[in-house]
Amino acid sequence: MAGTAVLTEPSFRESPVWERTIVYTFASGDDAEVKYALPMNGILQKIVVKCGSCASANPTATVAIDDNADNEIWIVAALAESTSYKYSVSEPFAGVIDIGVLPSTDPLSAYIVTVYLRGI
């Protein structure tokens, strides 16, 4: 089974301040990067990553953001399970960006990584 990524709220096109929540779900055997293509027209200011717990293994996660020309704009690696991380950025985007999550190893059980993006 392949990992999945789901946007959990509607697009708020009329709001000057926005938040997007993307939930990545990995199961036993999922050790490949999962990308979510997110239409973006604004300035990304905050990234929050919550790595869930994993019962059978101790995977870390790598989170990367690529712009619409497939240039890697932001990356962070070795995010431990059961931990939250907060990052301040100032990145303007126009077009579709890819937010990818890669577990370091097969999680052997359910493993959830949630990425919150906030901006204007």
Protein backbone atom coordinates (compact mmCIF):
# COMPACT_ATOMS: atom_id res chain seq x y z
CA MET A 1 0.00 0.00 0.00
CA ALA A 2 1.32 3.46 -0.86
CA GLY A 3 1.38 6.33 1.61
CA THR A 4 -1.25 9.04 1.27
CA ALA A 5 -1.54 12.81 1.76
CA VAL A 6 -4.82 14.67 2.36
CA LEU A 7 -5.62 18.40 2.65
CA THR A 8 -7.99 18.61 5.63
CA GLU A 9 -9.75 21.94 5.10
CA PRO A 10 -11.18 23.98 2.24
CA SER A 11 -9.30 26.64 0.33
CA PHE A 12 -9.98 30.09 1.79
CA ARG A 13 -9.35 32.16 -1.32
CA GLU A 14 -10.95 35.33 0.10
CA SER A 15 -9.03 35.37 3.41
CA PRO A 16 -5.76 37.35 3.59
CA VAL A 17 -4.40 35.02 6.29
CA TRP A 18 -4.47 31.29 5.66
CA GLU A 19 -3.53 27.91 7.07
CA ARG A 20 -3.32 24.59 5.24
CA THR A 21 -3.09 21.25 7.03
CA ILE A 22 -1.78 18.23 5.17
CA VAL A 23 -1.89 14.81 6.83
CA TYR A 24 0.50 12.13 5.54
CA THR A 25 -0.34 8.56 6.48
CA PHE A 26 2.15 5.72 6.13
CA ALA A 27 1.52 2.02 6.81
CA SER A 28 3.75 -1.00 7.06
CA GLY A 29 5.83 -1.24 3.90
CA ASP A 30 5.59 2.50 3.06
CA ASP A 31 9.09 3.92 2.90
CA ALA A 32 8.85 6.11 -0.21
CA GLU A 33 8.36 9.87 -0.33
CA VAL A 34 4.76 11.09 -0.62
CA LYS A 35 4.19 14.50 -2.21
CA TYR A 36 1.12 16.71 -2.07
CA ALA A 37 0.70 19.31 -4.82
CA LEU A 38 -0.75 22.48 -3.27
CA PRO A 39 -1.88 25.50 -5.30
CA MET A 40 -0.29 28.53 -3.65
CA ASN A 41 -0.38 32.27 -4.23
CA GLY A 42 1.01 34.03 -1.19
CA ILE A 43 3.82 34.21 1.33
CA LEU A 44 4.57 31.17 3.48
CA GLN A 45 5.52 32.35 6.97
CA LYS A 46 5.27 29.39 9.35
CA ILE A 47 5.77 25.64 9.00
CA VAL A 48 4.75 23.31 11.82
CA VAL A 49 5.52 19.59 11.54
CA LYS A 50 4.03 17.05 13.95
CA CYS A 51 5.50 13.56 13.74
CA GLY A 52 3.26 10.94 15.29
CA SER A 53 4.31 7.92 17.28
CA CYS A 54 5.05 4.59 15.69
CA ALA A 55 4.48 1.33 17.57
CA SER A 56 6.82 -0.97 15.66
CA ALA A 57 9.78 1.10 14.47
CA ASN A 58 11.49 4.42 15.14
CA PRO A 59 11.36 6.26 11.82
CA THR A 60 12.45 9.85 11.40
CA ALA A 61 10.95 12.08 8.74
CA THR A 62 12.30 14.40 6.08
CA VAL A 63 10.02 17.23 4.92
CA ALA A 64 10.77 19.17 1.73
CA ILE A 65 9.03 21.97 -0.18
CA ASP A 66 9.64 22.45 -3.91
CA ASP A 67 8.40 25.41 -5.95
CA ASN A 68 6.50 25.13 -9.23
CA ALA A 69 9.80 24.85 -11.15
CA ASP A 70 10.81 21.86 -8.97
CA ASN A 71 13.48 23.86 -7.12
CA GLU A 72 13.95 22.72 -3.54
CA ILE A 73 13.06 25.77 -1.43
CA TRP A 74 13.07 24.28 2.07
CA ILE A 75 14.09 20.96 3.62
CA VAL A 76 14.53 19.56 7.10
CA ALA A 77 15.58 16.02 7.97
CA ALA A 78 15.82 13.62 10.92
CA LEU A 79 12.57 14.74 12.60
CA ALA A 80 11.99 12.31 15.47
CA GLU A 81 8.67 10.58 16.04
CA SER A 82 6.26 11.89 18.72
CA THR A 83 7.65 15.42 18.38
CA SER A 84 6.47 18.80 17.02
CA TYR A 85 8.72 21.26 15.22
CA LYS A 86 8.12 24.94 14.36
CA TYR A 87 9.94 26.94 11.67
CA SER A 88 9.65 30.60 10.65
CA VAL A 89 10.19 31.31 6.96
CA SER A 90 9.41 34.03 4.46
CA GLU A 91 8.92 32.45 1.04
CA PRO A 92 6.70 33.93 -1.68
CA PHE A 93 5.03 31.36 -3.92
CA ALA A 94 2.87 31.57 -7.04
CA GLY A 95 1.67 28.38 -8.67
CA VAL A 96 1.72 24.84 -7.37
CA ILE A 97 4.20 23.78 -4.70
CA ASP A 98 5.03 20.21 -3.69
CA ILE A 99 5.22 19.34 -0.01
CA GLY A 100 6.93 15.96 0.38
CA VAL A 101 7.41 13.72 3.40
CA LEU A 102 9.86 10.83 3.40
CA PRO A 103 10.11 8.36 6.31
CA SER A 104 13.65 7.20 7.04
CA THR A 105 12.62 3.55 7.14
CA ASP A 106 9.61 1.27 6.83
CA PRO A 107 7.45 2.26 9.85
CA LEU A 108 6.14 -1.34 10.19
CA SER A 109 2.85 0.11 11.49
CA ALA A 110 0.73 3.25 11.15
CA TYR A 111 2.80 6.46 11.11
CA ILE A 112 1.25 9.91 10.67
CA VAL A 113 3.08 13.14 9.89
CA THR A 114 1.05 16.37 9.84
CA VAL A 115 2.34 19.51 8.14
CA TYR A 116 0.73 22.89 8.91
CA LEU A 117 1.50 25.78 6.56
CA ARG A 118 0.56 29.34 7.56
CA GLY A 119 0.94 32.56 5.67
CA ILE A 120 -0.59 35.61 4.05
